[in-house]
Amino acid sequence: MIDQGLANIVGAKKPFRILSLDGGGAKGFYTLGVLKEIEGMLGGPLHQHFDLVFGTSTGAIIASLIALGYEVDQIHDLYKKHVPTVMRQKTPRGKTDALAKLAQEVFGTASFRDVKTGIGVVTTKWEVERPMIFKGNVEQAHGRIGTFLPGFGVSIADAVQASCSAYPFFDRKIIRTNDGDEIDLIDGGYCANNPTLYAIADAVKAQKIPKENIRVISVGVGVYPEPKPKTLKMWFAKKYLVSVQLLQKTLEINTQSMDQLRSILFNDVATIRISDTFERPDMATDLMEHDLQKLNLLRQRGRESYASREATLRQFLID
């Protein structure tokens, strides 16, 4: 989908490029397929071509790695190694422990001071039911500029884990800020599974970038048929699957409502949305997918989604 704001890029100077990445658990493999092709078109690591990268949940993992300088193939290798392990766990504690291990092994001691471009990691405060967004640059602050600290002093590993903590399938994540505040966080998808609106607000409201100079690429995870339990006699499996479907439906509704709100408030900001719908039964999957063959298929579909928009994306980002 291309907003009418695309017309505003003609003659615009010094474009401010935003990359926004949806949440969606294992379906982030679709996102990586899209990004692989965008990186190839641009001819270099994405942090060199985007001024601001926002991500929620699985999008937060990818966005943070991009901001730290990783190339897409490197991120893909990490996803193949870690994501099936996390999603294969049967209990919230097992998933939480595997996610924590992923975060520590992938991000180590990296902080928001280490990023090479603007970053936004979206989480949700459990107690007060409001968003908490970890940022790396004071220019993104909407207030309290005098006390701004990159990522509130929290490590990228902890912020990303919080953004991915899809409660109740994962335990909530308690983080401690540099000021000593303990904050109980859950998945950012509960407030903005599609973080594009937040990213544009940073550019327009905080950084005062003229709308006509902004170009946004918003990448989803695709929409797929719901998987069926192998046998209806497996009561627990059926109940678990219904719970996952409810979570997924909640996140998809959030995604669509956020995009509709963005199109109303910022339809004059040039935006390309990439997130196709796949209706074939063999594409049935959900955010807890751990079959690498299926995940590789999602990545292929992401590359095909790019291909169907290649000419427009090239004009949008290069020409």
C-alpha atoms as a PDB file:
ATOM      1  CA  MET A   1       0.000   0.000   0.000  1.00  0.00           C
ATOM      2  CA  ILE A   2       1.287   3.465  -0.934  1.00  0.00           C
ATOM      3  CA  ASP A   3      -0.096   6.623   0.655  1.00  0.00           C
ATOM      4  CA  GLN A   4      -0.841   9.761  -1.345  1.00  0.00           C
ATOM      5  CA  GLY A   5       2.043  11.370   0.551  1.00  0.00           C
ATOM      6  CA  LEU A   6       4.319   9.600  -1.918  1.00  0.00           C
ATOM      7  CA  ALA A   7       3.642  12.458  -4.294  1.00  0.00           C
ATOM      8  CA  ASN A   8       5.310  14.825  -1.844  1.00  0.00           C
ATOM      9  CA  ILE A   9       8.760  13.281  -2.329  1.00  0.00           C
ATOM     10  CA  VAL A  10       9.212  14.930  -5.697  1.00  0.00           C
ATOM     11  CA  GLY A  11      11.678  17.730  -5.194  1.00  0.00           C
ATOM     12  CA  ALA A  12      12.116  16.998  -1.490  1.00  0.00           C
ATOM     13  CA  LYS A  13      15.616  17.579  -0.146  1.00  0.00           C
ATOM     14  CA  LYS A  14      17.606  15.482   2.322  1.00  0.00           C
ATOM     15  CA  PRO A  15      14.988  12.763   2.807  1.00  0.00           C
ATOM     16  CA  PHE A  16      14.624  11.470   6.355  1.00  0.00           C
ATOM     17  CA  ARG A  17      14.145   7.718   6.039  1.00  0.00           C
ATOM     18  CA  ILE A  18      12.220   5.667   8.605  1.00  0.00           C
ATOM     19  CA  LEU A  19      12.098   1.867   8.808  1.00  0.00           C
ATOM     20  CA  SER A  20       9.274   0.497  10.969  1.00  0.00           C
ATOM     21  CA  LEU A  21       9.034  -3.224  11.812  1.00  0.00           C
ATOM     22  CA  ASP A  22       5.934  -4.961  13.198  1.00  0.00           C
ATOM     23  CA  GLY A  23       5.756  -7.554  15.918  1.00  0.00           C
ATOM     24  CA  GLY A  24       4.704 -11.111  15.137  1.00  0.00           C
ATOM     25  CA  GLY A  25       6.954 -13.645  16.847  1.00  0.00           C
ATOM     26  CA  ALA A  26       8.465 -16.245  14.529  1.00  0.00           C
ATOM     27  CA  LYS A  27       6.762 -14.594  11.558  1.00  0.00           C
ATOM     28  CA  GLY A  28       9.635 -12.107  11.649  1.00  0.00           C
ATOM     29  CA  PHE A  29      11.226 -14.414   9.059  1.00  0.00           C
ATOM     30  CA  TYR A  30       8.876 -12.747   6.541  1.00  0.00           C
ATOM     31  CA  THR A  31      10.282  -9.362   7.604  1.00  0.00           C
ATOM     32  CA  LEU A  32      13.823 -10.607   7.048  1.00  0.00           C
ATOM     33  CA  GLY A  33      12.900 -11.672   3.515  1.00  0.00           C
ATOM     34  CA  VAL A  34      11.676  -8.159   2.704  1.00  0.00           C
ATOM     35  CA  LEU A  35      14.716  -6.537   4.329  1.00  0.00           C
ATOM     36  CA  LYS A  36      17.190  -8.794   2.535  1.00  0.00           C
ATOM     37  CA  GLU A  37      15.986  -7.413  -0.779  1.00  0.00           C
ATOM     38  CA  ILE A  38      15.849  -3.796   0.419  1.00  0.00           C
ATOM     39  CA  GLU A  39      19.426  -4.106   1.677  1.00  0.00           C
ATOM     40  CA  GLY A  40      20.488  -5.541  -1.670  1.00  0.00           C
ATOM     41  CA  MET A  41      18.818  -2.687  -3.539  1.00  0.00           C
ATOM     42  CA  LEU A  42      20.475  -0.057  -1.334  1.00  0.00           C
ATOM     43  CA  GLY A  43      23.857  -1.755  -1.559  1.00  0.00           C
ATOM     44  CA  GLY A  44      24.856  -1.719   2.097  1.00  0.00           C
ATOM     45  CA  PRO A  45      23.843  -2.229   5.737  1.00  0.00           C
ATOM     46  CA  LEU A  46      20.454  -0.716   6.499  1.00  0.00           C
ATOM     47  CA  HIS A  47      21.703   1.469   9.350  1.00  0.00           C
ATOM     48  CA  GLN A  48      23.581   3.478   6.724  1.00  0.00           C
ATOM     49  CA  HIS A  49      20.375   4.222   4.817  1.00  0.00           C
ATOM     50  CA  PHE A  50      17.732   4.775   7.497  1.00  0.00           C
ATOM     51  CA  ASP A  51      17.752   7.647   9.989  1.00  0.00           C
ATOM     52  CA  LEU A  52      15.304   6.002  12.369  1.00  0.00           C
ATOM     53  CA  VAL A  53      14.475   2.315  12.906  1.00  0.00           C
ATOM     54  CA  PHE A  54      11.511   1.389  15.113  1.00  0.00           C
ATOM     55  CA  GLY A  55      10.515  -2.120  16.122  1.00  0.00           C
ATOM     56  CA  THR A  56       8.031  -3.992  18.271  1.00  0.00           C
ATOM     57  CA  SER A  57       8.575  -7.517  19.629  1.00  0.00           C
ATOM     58  CA  THR A  58      10.282  -9.566  16.890  1.00  0.00           C
ATOM     59  CA  GLY A  59      10.588  -6.255  15.030  1.00  0.00           C
ATOM     60  CA  ALA A  60      12.451  -4.881  18.057  1.00  0.00           C
ATOM     61  CA  ILE A  61      15.047  -7.651  17.788  1.00  0.00           C
ATOM     62  CA  ILE A  62      15.588  -6.952  14.100  1.00  0.00           C
ATOM     63  CA  ALA A  63      15.525  -3.157  14.500  1.00  0.00           C
ATOM     64  CA  SER A  64      18.062  -3.252  17.347  1.00  0.00           C
ATOM     65  CA  LEU A  65      20.446  -5.477  15.394  1.00  0.00           C
ATOM     66  CA  ILE A  66      20.144  -3.206  12.355  1.00  0.00           C
ATOM     67  CA  ALA A  67      20.873  -0.174  14.531  1.00  0.00           C
ATOM     68  CA  LEU A  68      23.956  -1.917  15.932  1.00  0.00           C
ATOM     69  CA  GLY A  69      25.308  -2.426  12.411  1.00  0.00           C
ATOM     70  CA  TYR A  70      24.293  -6.005  11.588  1.00  0.00           C
ATOM     71  CA  GLU A  71      23.563  -7.030   8.015  1.00  0.00           C
ATOM     72  CA  VAL A  72      20.360  -8.941   7.250  1.00  0.00           C
ATOM     73  CA  ASP A  73      22.082 -12.268   6.574  1.00  0.00           C
ATOM     74  CA  GLN A  74      23.709 -12.071  10.012  1.00  0.00           C
ATOM     75  CA  ILE A  75      20.325 -11.452  11.609  1.00  0.00           C
ATOM     76  CA  HIS A  76      18.834 -14.335   9.634  1.00  0.00           C
ATOM     77  CA  ASP A  77      21.540 -16.679  10.940  1.00  0.00           C
ATOM     78  CA  LEU A  78      20.721 -15.627  14.513  1.00  0.00           C
ATOM     79  CA  TYR A  79      16.998 -16.178  13.903  1.00  0.00           C
ATOM     80  CA  LYS A  80      17.570 -19.681  12.524  1.00  0.00           C
ATOM     81  CA  LYS A  81      19.642 -20.553  15.589  1.00  0.00           C
ATOM     82  CA  HIS A  82      17.503 -19.047  18.336  1.00  0.00           C
ATOM     83  CA  VAL A  83      13.862 -18.489  17.341  1.00  0.00           C
ATOM     84  CA  PRO A  84      12.811 -22.159  16.926  1.00  0.00           C
ATOM     85  CA  THR A  85      14.403 -22.919  20.297  1.00  0.00           C
ATOM     86  CA  VAL A  86      12.345 -20.199  22.004  1.00  0.00           C
ATOM     87  CA  MET A  87       9.063 -21.068  20.318  1.00  0.00           C
ATOM     88  CA  ARG A  88       9.469 -24.813  20.878  1.00  0.00           C
ATOM     89  CA  GLN A  89       9.272 -24.419  24.664  1.00  0.00           C
ATOM     90  CA  LYS A  90       6.013 -25.652  26.203  1.00  0.00           C
ATOM     91  CA  THR A  91       5.672 -23.402  29.265  1.00  0.00           C
ATOM     92  CA  PRO A  92       5.848 -19.632  29.894  1.00  0.00           C
ATOM     93  CA  ARG A  93       8.888 -20.166  32.113  1.00  0.00           C
ATOM     94  CA  GLY A  94      10.611 -22.226  29.425  1.00  0.00           C
ATOM     95  CA  LYS A  95       9.891 -19.611  26.754  1.00  0.00           C
ATOM     96  CA  THR A  96      11.005 -16.784  29.056  1.00  0.00           C
ATOM     97  CA  ASP A  97      14.290 -18.485  29.935  1.00  0.00           C
ATOM     98  CA  ALA A  98      15.011 -19.243  26.269  1.00  0.00           C
ATOM     99  CA  LEU A  99      14.184 -15.654  25.300  1.00  0.00           C
ATOM    100  CA  ALA A 100      16.474 -14.301  28.031  1.00  0.00           C
ATOM    101  CA  LYS A 101      19.277 -16.551  26.771  1.00  0.00           C
ATOM    102  CA  LEU A 102      18.700 -15.329  23.214  1.00  0.00           C
ATOM    103  CA  ALA A 103      18.794 -11.687  24.329  1.00  0.00           C
ATOM    104  CA  GLN A 104      22.018 -12.113  26.295  1.00  0.00           C
ATOM    105  CA  GLU A 105      23.824 -14.175  23.658  1.00  0.00           C
ATOM    106  CA  VAL A 106      22.804 -11.896  20.791  1.00  0.00           C
ATOM    107  CA  PHE A 107      23.132  -8.460  22.431  1.00  0.00           C
ATOM    108  CA  GLY A 108      25.543  -9.078  25.306  1.00  0.00           C
ATOM    109  CA  THR A 109      26.336  -5.826  27.094  1.00  0.00           C
ATOM    110  CA  ALA A 110      25.324  -3.552  24.196  1.00  0.00           C
ATOM    111  CA  SER A 111      23.605  -0.355  25.289  1.00  0.00           C
ATOM    112  CA  PHE A 112      21.551   2.280  23.522  1.00  0.00           C
ATOM    113  CA  ARG A 113      24.692   4.404  23.399  1.00  0.00           C
ATOM    114  CA  ASP A 114      26.150   1.901  20.921  1.00  0.00           C
ATOM    115  CA  VAL A 115      23.592   2.306  18.135  1.00  0.00           C
ATOM    116  CA  LYS A 116      24.656   3.685  14.764  1.00  0.00           C
ATOM    117  CA  THR A 117      21.297   5.234  13.845  1.00  0.00           C
ATOM    118  CA  GLY A 118      18.075   6.329  15.527  1.00  0.00           C
ATOM    119  CA  ILE A 119      16.258   3.516  17.328  1.00  0.00           C
ATOM    120  CA  GLY A 120      12.910   2.919  19.014  1.00  0.00           C
ATOM    121  CA  VAL A 121      12.070  -0.276  20.947  1.00  0.00           C
ATOM    122  CA  VAL A 122       8.392  -0.413  21.917  1.00  0.00           C
ATOM    123  CA  THR A 123       7.233  -2.054  25.160  1.00  0.00           C
ATOM    124  CA  THR A 124       4.107  -1.810  27.328  1.00  0.00           C
ATOM    125  CA  LYS A 125       3.967  -0.918  31.018  1.00  0.00           C
ATOM    126  CA  TRP A 126       1.921  -3.572  32.793  1.00  0.00           C
ATOM    127  CA  GLU A 127       0.867  -1.576  35.837  1.00  0.00           C
ATOM    128  CA  VAL A 128      -0.162   1.725  34.230  1.00  0.00           C
ATOM    129  CA  GLU A 129      -1.091   0.345  30.778  1.00  0.00           C
ATOM    130  CA  ARG A 130       0.974   2.837  28.806  1.00  0.00           C
ATOM    131  CA  PRO A 131       3.755   2.502  26.244  1.00  0.00           C
ATOM    132  CA  MET A 132       7.416   2.728  27.214  1.00  0.00           C
ATOM    133  CA  ILE A 133       9.743   3.315  24.277  1.00  0.00           C
ATOM    134  CA  PHE A 134      13.494   2.866  24.554  1.00  0.00           C
ATOM    135  CA  LYS A 135      15.392   5.378  22.411  1.00  0.00           C
ATOM    136  CA  GLY A 136      19.016   6.147  21.745  1.00  0.00           C
ATOM    137  CA  ASN A 137      19.035   9.867  20.970  1.00  0.00           C
ATOM    138  CA  VAL A 138      17.835  12.857  22.980  1.00  0.00           C
ATOM    139  CA  GLU A 139      16.576  14.371  19.703  1.00  0.00           C
ATOM    140  CA  GLN A 140      13.769  11.779  19.826  1.00  0.00           C
ATOM    141  CA  ALA A 141      12.586  12.921  23.265  1.00  0.00           C
ATOM    142  CA  HIS A 142       9.139  14.527  23.529  1.00  0.00           C
ATOM    143  CA  GLY A 143       9.858  15.895  26.996  1.00  0.00           C
ATOM    144  CA  ARG A 144      12.157  15.605  30.013  1.00  0.00           C
ATOM    145  CA  ILE A 145      15.051  16.448  27.725  1.00  0.00           C
ATOM    146  CA  GLY A 146      17.265  17.584  30.565  1.00  0.00           C
ATOM    147  CA  THR A 147      17.242  14.153  32.186  1.00  0.00           C
ATOM    148  CA  PHE A 148      17.252  12.054  29.005  1.00  0.00           C
ATOM    149  CA  LEU A 149      19.441   8.951  29.130  1.00  0.00           C
ATOM    150  CA  PRO A 150      19.738   6.554  26.163  1.00  0.00           C
ATOM    151  CA  GLY A 151      17.433   3.619  26.825  1.00  0.00           C
ATOM    152  CA  PHE A 152      16.789   4.879  30.383  1.00  0.00           C
ATOM    153  CA  GLY A 153      20.137   3.245  31.173  1.00  0.00           C
ATOM    154  CA  VAL A 154      18.692  -0.207  30.400  1.00  0.00           C
ATOM    155  CA  SER A 155      20.649  -2.664  28.250  1.00  0.00           C
ATOM    156  CA  ILE A 156      19.388  -3.435  24.753  1.00  0.00           C
ATOM    157  CA  ALA A 157      19.111  -7.094  25.778  1.00  0.00           C
ATOM    158  CA  ASP A 158      16.653  -6.274  28.579  1.00  0.00           C
ATOM    159  CA  ALA A 159      14.656  -3.787  26.495  1.00  0.00           C
ATOM    160  CA  VAL A 160      14.293  -6.254  23.624  1.00  0.00           C
ATOM    161  CA  GLN A 161      13.303  -9.067  25.960  1.00  0.00           C
ATOM    162  CA  ALA A 162      10.605  -6.829  27.420  1.00  0.00           C
ATOM    163  CA  SER A 163       9.337  -5.926  23.947  1.00  0.00           C
ATOM    164  CA  CYS A 164       9.019  -9.644  23.117  1.00  0.00           C
ATOM    165  CA  SER A 165       7.355 -10.753  26.375  1.00  0.00           C
ATOM    166  CA  ALA A 166       3.935 -11.722  25.007  1.00  0.00           C
ATOM    167  CA  TYR A 167       2.213 -12.311  28.327  1.00  0.00           C
ATOM    168  CA  PRO A 168       0.864 -14.813  29.363  1.00  0.00           C
ATOM    169  CA  PHE A 169       2.856 -17.018  26.984  1.00  0.00           C
ATOM    170  CA  PHE A 170       5.988 -15.368  28.371  1.00  0.00           C
ATOM    171  CA  ASP A 171       6.520 -14.032  31.869  1.00  0.00           C
ATOM    172  CA  ARG A 172       6.477 -10.282  32.339  1.00  0.00           C
ATOM    173  CA  LYS A 173       9.893  -8.588  32.292  1.00  0.00           C
ATOM    174  CA  ILE A 174      10.946  -6.345  35.184  1.00  0.00           C
ATOM    175  CA  ILE A 175      13.627  -3.838  34.232  1.00  0.00           C
ATOM    176  CA  ARG A 176      15.553  -1.418  36.416  1.00  0.00           C
ATOM    177  CA  THR A 177      16.287   2.039  35.025  1.00  0.00           C
ATOM    178  CA  ASN A 178      19.393   4.085  35.735  1.00  0.00           C
ATOM    179  CA  ASP A 179      17.352   6.015  38.334  1.00  0.00           C
ATOM    180  CA  GLY A 180      16.648   2.788  40.203  1.00  0.00           C
ATOM    181  CA  ASP A 181      12.999   2.524  39.150  1.00  0.00           C
ATOM    182  CA  GLU A 182      11.673  -1.007  38.703  1.00  0.00           C
ATOM    183  CA  ILE A 183       9.133  -1.240  35.888  1.00  0.00           C
ATOM    184  CA  ASP A 184       7.026  -4.273  34.973  1.00  0.00           C
ATOM    185  CA  LEU A 185       6.851  -4.604  31.173  1.00  0.00           C
ATOM    186  CA  ILE A 186       5.112  -6.792  28.603  1.00  0.00           C
ATOM    187  CA  ASP A 187       5.133  -7.123  24.820  1.00  0.00           C
ATOM    188  CA  GLY A 188       5.037  -3.847  22.913  1.00  0.00           C
ATOM    189  CA  GLY A 189       2.444  -5.372  20.605  1.00  0.00           C
ATOM    190  CA  TYR A 190      -0.249  -4.688  23.168  1.00  0.00           C
ATOM    191  CA  CYS A 191       0.099  -0.940  22.571  1.00  0.00           C
ATOM    192  CA  ALA A 192       1.642  -0.677  19.093  1.00  0.00           C
ATOM    193  CA  ASN A 193       2.279  -3.918  17.241  1.00  0.00           C
ATOM    194  CA  ASN A 194       2.785  -1.673  14.216  1.00  0.00           C
ATOM    195  CA  PRO A 195       5.039   1.115  15.557  1.00  0.00           C
ATOM    196  CA  THR A 196       4.966   3.341  12.462  1.00  0.00           C
ATOM    197  CA  LEU A 197       2.785   6.011  14.058  1.00  0.00           C
ATOM    198  CA  TYR A 198       5.229   6.349  16.976  1.00  0.00           C
ATOM    199  CA  ALA A 199       8.198   6.614  14.615  1.00  0.00           C
ATOM    200  CA  ILE A 200       6.573   9.340  12.526  1.00  0.00           C
ATOM    201  CA  ALA A 201       5.674  11.225  15.703  1.00  0.00           C
ATOM    202  CA  ASP A 202       9.357  11.185  16.715  1.00  0.00           C
ATOM    203  CA  ALA A 203      10.375  12.590  13.352  1.00  0.00           C
ATOM    204  CA  VAL A 204       7.642  15.228  13.020  1.00  0.00           C
ATOM    205  CA  LYS A 205       7.025  16.295  16.612  1.00  0.00           C
ATOM    206  CA  ALA A 206      10.374  15.748  18.349  1.00  0.00           C
ATOM    207  CA  GLN A 207      12.921  16.174  15.550  1.00  0.00           C
ATOM    208  CA  LYS A 208      10.875  18.752  13.600  1.00  0.00           C
ATOM    209  CA  ILE A 209      11.482  17.062  10.255  1.00  0.00           C
ATOM    210  CA  PRO A 210       9.236  18.568   7.535  1.00  0.00           C
ATOM    211  CA  LYS A 211       6.627  16.010   6.519  1.00  0.00           C
ATOM    212  CA  GLU A 212       7.488  16.362   2.846  1.00  0.00           C
ATOM    213  CA  ASN A 213      11.043  15.182   3.583  1.00  0.00           C
ATOM    214  CA  ILE A 214      10.023  11.968   5.365  1.00  0.00           C
ATOM    215  CA  ARG A 215       9.914   8.579   3.647  1.00  0.00           C
ATOM    216  CA  VAL A 216       8.608   5.613   5.611  1.00  0.00           C
ATOM    217  CA  ILE A 217       8.953   1.902   4.914  1.00  0.00           C
ATOM    218  CA  SER A 218       6.579  -0.026   7.189  1.00  0.00           C
ATOM    219  CA  VAL A 219       7.126  -3.793   7.139  1.00  0.00           C
ATOM    220  CA  GLY A 220       4.691  -6.280   8.641  1.00  0.00           C
ATOM    221  CA  VAL A 221       4.952 -10.047   9.049  1.00  0.00           C
ATOM    222  CA  GLY A 222       2.246 -11.105   6.606  1.00  0.00           C
ATOM    223  CA  VAL A 223      -1.216 -12.526   7.310  1.00  0.00           C
ATOM    224  CA  TYR A 224      -1.751 -16.300   7.114  1.00  0.00           C
ATOM    225  CA  PRO A 225      -4.475 -18.939   7.612  1.00  0.00           C
ATOM    226  CA  GLU A 226      -4.789 -20.236  11.171  1.00  0.00           C
ATOM    227  CA  PRO A 227      -3.195 -23.633  11.782  1.00  0.00           C
ATOM    228  CA  LYS A 228      -5.404 -26.510  12.924  1.00  0.00           C
ATOM    229  CA  PRO A 229      -4.649 -28.942  15.764  1.00  0.00           C
ATOM    230  CA  LYS A 230      -3.544 -32.322  14.443  1.00  0.00           C
ATOM    231  CA  THR A 231      -6.397 -34.010  16.254  1.00  0.00           C
ATOM    232  CA  LEU A 232      -9.410 -32.595  18.041  1.00  0.00           C
ATOM    233  CA  LYS A 233      -8.999 -35.289  20.703  1.00  0.00           C
ATOM    234  CA  MET A 234      -5.947 -33.436  22.027  1.00  0.00           C
ATOM    235  CA  TRP A 235      -7.883 -31.135  24.350  1.00  0.00           C
ATOM    236  CA  PHE A 236      -4.842 -29.312  25.715  1.00  0.00           C
ATOM    237  CA  ALA A 237      -3.379 -28.750  22.262  1.00  0.00           C
ATOM    238  CA  LYS A 238      -6.692 -27.351  21.023  1.00  0.00           C
ATOM    239  CA  LYS A 239      -7.058 -25.033  24.016  1.00  0.00           C
ATOM    240  CA  TYR A 240      -3.466 -23.804  23.615  1.00  0.00           C
ATOM    241  CA  LEU A 241      -3.980 -23.172  19.911  1.00  0.00           C
ATOM    242  CA  VAL A 242      -7.150 -21.159  20.555  1.00  0.00           C
ATOM    243  CA  SER A 243      -5.224 -19.042  23.092  1.00  0.00           C
ATOM    244  CA  VAL A 244      -2.460 -18.375  20.565  1.00  0.00           C
ATOM    245  CA  GLN A 245      -5.064 -17.461  17.947  1.00  0.00           C
ATOM    246  CA  LEU A 246      -6.666 -15.003  20.362  1.00  0.00           C
ATOM    247  CA  LEU A 247      -3.298 -13.360  21.006  1.00  0.00           C
ATOM    248  CA  GLN A 248      -2.575 -13.236  17.301  1.00  0.00           C
ATOM    249  CA  LYS A 249      -5.995 -11.762  16.525  1.00  0.00           C
ATOM    250  CA  THR A 250      -5.441  -9.111  19.216  1.00  0.00           C
ATOM    251  CA  LEU A 251      -2.096  -8.142  17.689  1.00  0.00           C
ATOM    252  CA  GLU A 252      -3.478  -8.086  14.145  1.00  0.00           C
ATOM    253  CA  ILE A 253      -6.377  -5.837  15.184  1.00  0.00           C
ATOM    254  CA  ASN A 254      -3.888  -3.544  16.893  1.00  0.00           C
ATOM    255  CA  THR A 255      -1.699  -3.536  13.782  1.00  0.00           C
ATOM    256  CA  GLN A 256      -4.552  -2.560  11.481  1.00  0.00           C
ATOM    257  CA  SER A 257      -5.991   0.074  13.814  1.00  0.00           C
ATOM    258  CA  MET A 258      -2.583   1.715  14.258  1.00  0.00           C
ATOM    259  CA  ASP A 259      -2.086   1.812  10.488  1.00  0.00           C
ATOM    260  CA  GLN A 260      -5.537   3.295   9.960  1.00  0.00           C
ATOM    261  CA  LEU A 261      -4.814   5.963  12.570  1.00  0.00           C
ATOM    262  CA  ARG A 262      -1.481   6.723  10.899  1.00  0.00           C
ATOM    263  CA  SER A 263      -3.179   7.141   7.534  1.00  0.00           C
ATOM    264  CA  ILE A 264      -5.633   9.601   9.073  1.00  0.00           C
ATOM    265  CA  LEU A 265      -3.132  11.672  11.062  1.00  0.00           C
ATOM    266  CA  PHE A 266      -0.151  11.486   8.696  1.00  0.00           C
ATOM    267  CA  ASN A 267      -1.518  10.660   5.258  1.00  0.00           C
ATOM    268  CA  ASP A 268       0.701  13.451   3.935  1.00  0.00           C
ATOM    269  CA  VAL A 269       3.815  11.539   5.044  1.00  0.00           C
ATOM    270  CA  ALA A 270       5.018   9.317   2.202  1.00  0.00           C
ATOM    271  CA  THR A 271       4.651   5.713   3.372  1.00  0.00           C
ATOM    272  CA  ILE A 272       4.954   2.287   1.777  1.00  0.00           C
ATOM    273  CA  ARG A 273       3.397  -0.574   3.727  1.00  0.00           C
ATOM    274  CA  ILE A 274       4.608  -4.132   2.997  1.00  0.00           C
ATOM    275  CA  SER A 275       2.588  -6.973   4.557  1.00  0.00           C
ATOM    276  CA  ASP A 276       0.742  -9.302   2.200  1.00  0.00           C
ATOM    277  CA  THR A 277      -2.045 -11.791   2.895  1.00  0.00           C
ATOM    278  CA  PHE A 278      -1.521 -15.464   2.006  1.00  0.00           C
ATOM    279  CA  GLU A 279      -4.642 -17.634   1.813  1.00  0.00           C
ATOM    280  CA  ARG A 280      -3.339 -21.025   0.661  1.00  0.00           C
ATOM    281  CA  PRO A 281      -3.823 -23.730   3.344  1.00  0.00           C
ATOM    282  CA  ASP A 282      -0.155 -24.747   3.174  1.00  0.00           C
ATOM    283  CA  MET A 283       0.760 -21.244   4.423  1.00  0.00           C
ATOM    284  CA  ALA A 284      -1.062 -21.777   7.729  1.00  0.00           C
ATOM    285  CA  THR A 285       1.129 -20.637  10.618  1.00  0.00           C
ATOM    286  CA  ASP A 286       1.207 -18.450  13.715  1.00  0.00           C
ATOM    287  CA  LEU A 287       3.609 -16.405  15.804  1.00  0.00           C
ATOM    288  CA  MET A 288       4.760 -19.514  17.740  1.00  0.00           C
ATOM    289  CA  GLU A 289       5.939 -21.365  14.608  1.00  0.00           C
ATOM    290  CA  HIS A 290       9.162 -23.358  15.114  1.00  0.00           C
ATOM    291  CA  ASP A 291       9.369 -25.465  11.940  1.00  0.00           C
ATOM    292  CA  LEU A 292      12.392 -24.114  10.058  1.00  0.00           C
ATOM    293  CA  GLN A 293      11.014 -25.278   6.712  1.00  0.00           C
ATOM    294  CA  LYS A 294       7.857 -23.236   7.260  1.00  0.00           C
ATOM    295  CA  LEU A 295       9.872 -20.278   8.539  1.00  0.00           C
ATOM    296  CA  ASN A 296      12.059 -20.398   5.442  1.00  0.00           C
ATOM    297  CA  LEU A 297       8.883 -20.342   3.355  1.00  0.00           C
ATOM    298  CA  LEU A 298       7.812 -17.154   5.151  1.00  0.00           C
ATOM    299  CA  ARG A 299      11.184 -15.601   4.298  1.00  0.00           C
ATOM    300  CA  GLN A 300      10.661 -16.502   0.635  1.00  0.00           C
ATOM    301  CA  ARG A 301       7.245 -14.866   0.702  1.00  0.00           C
ATOM    302  CA  GLY A 302       8.810 -11.723   2.129  1.00  0.00           C
ATOM    303  CA  ARG A 303      11.252 -11.580  -0.763  1.00  0.00           C
ATOM    304  CA  GLU A 304       8.351 -11.983  -3.189  1.00  0.00           C
ATOM    305  CA  SER A 305       6.445  -9.177  -1.455  1.00  0.00           C
ATOM    306  CA  TYR A 306       9.443  -6.935  -2.060  1.00  0.00           C
ATOM    307  CA  ALA A 307       9.633  -7.994  -5.707  1.00  0.00           C
ATOM    308  CA  SER A 308       6.034  -6.927  -6.354  1.00  0.00           C
ATOM    309  CA  ARG A 309       6.954  -3.405  -5.165  1.00  0.00           C
ATOM    310  CA  GLU A 310      10.531  -3.166  -6.351  1.00  0.00           C
ATOM    311  CA  ALA A 311      10.090  -0.377  -8.888  1.00  0.00           C
ATOM    312  CA  THR A 312       8.164   1.793  -6.430  1.00  0.00           C
ATOM    313  CA  LEU A 313      10.649   1.138  -3.624  1.00  0.00           C
ATOM    314  CA  ARG A 314      13.552   2.025  -5.891  1.00  0.00           C
ATOM    315  CA  GLN A 315      11.916   5.333  -6.823  1.00  0.00           C
ATOM    316  CA  PHE A 316      11.055   5.910  -3.174  1.00  0.00           C
ATOM    317  CA  LEU A 317      14.518   5.261  -1.738  1.00  0.00           C
ATOM    318  CA  ILE A 318      17.017   5.851  -4.520  1.00  0.00           C
ATOM    319  CA  ASP A 319      15.791   7.800  -7.547  1.00  0.00           C
END
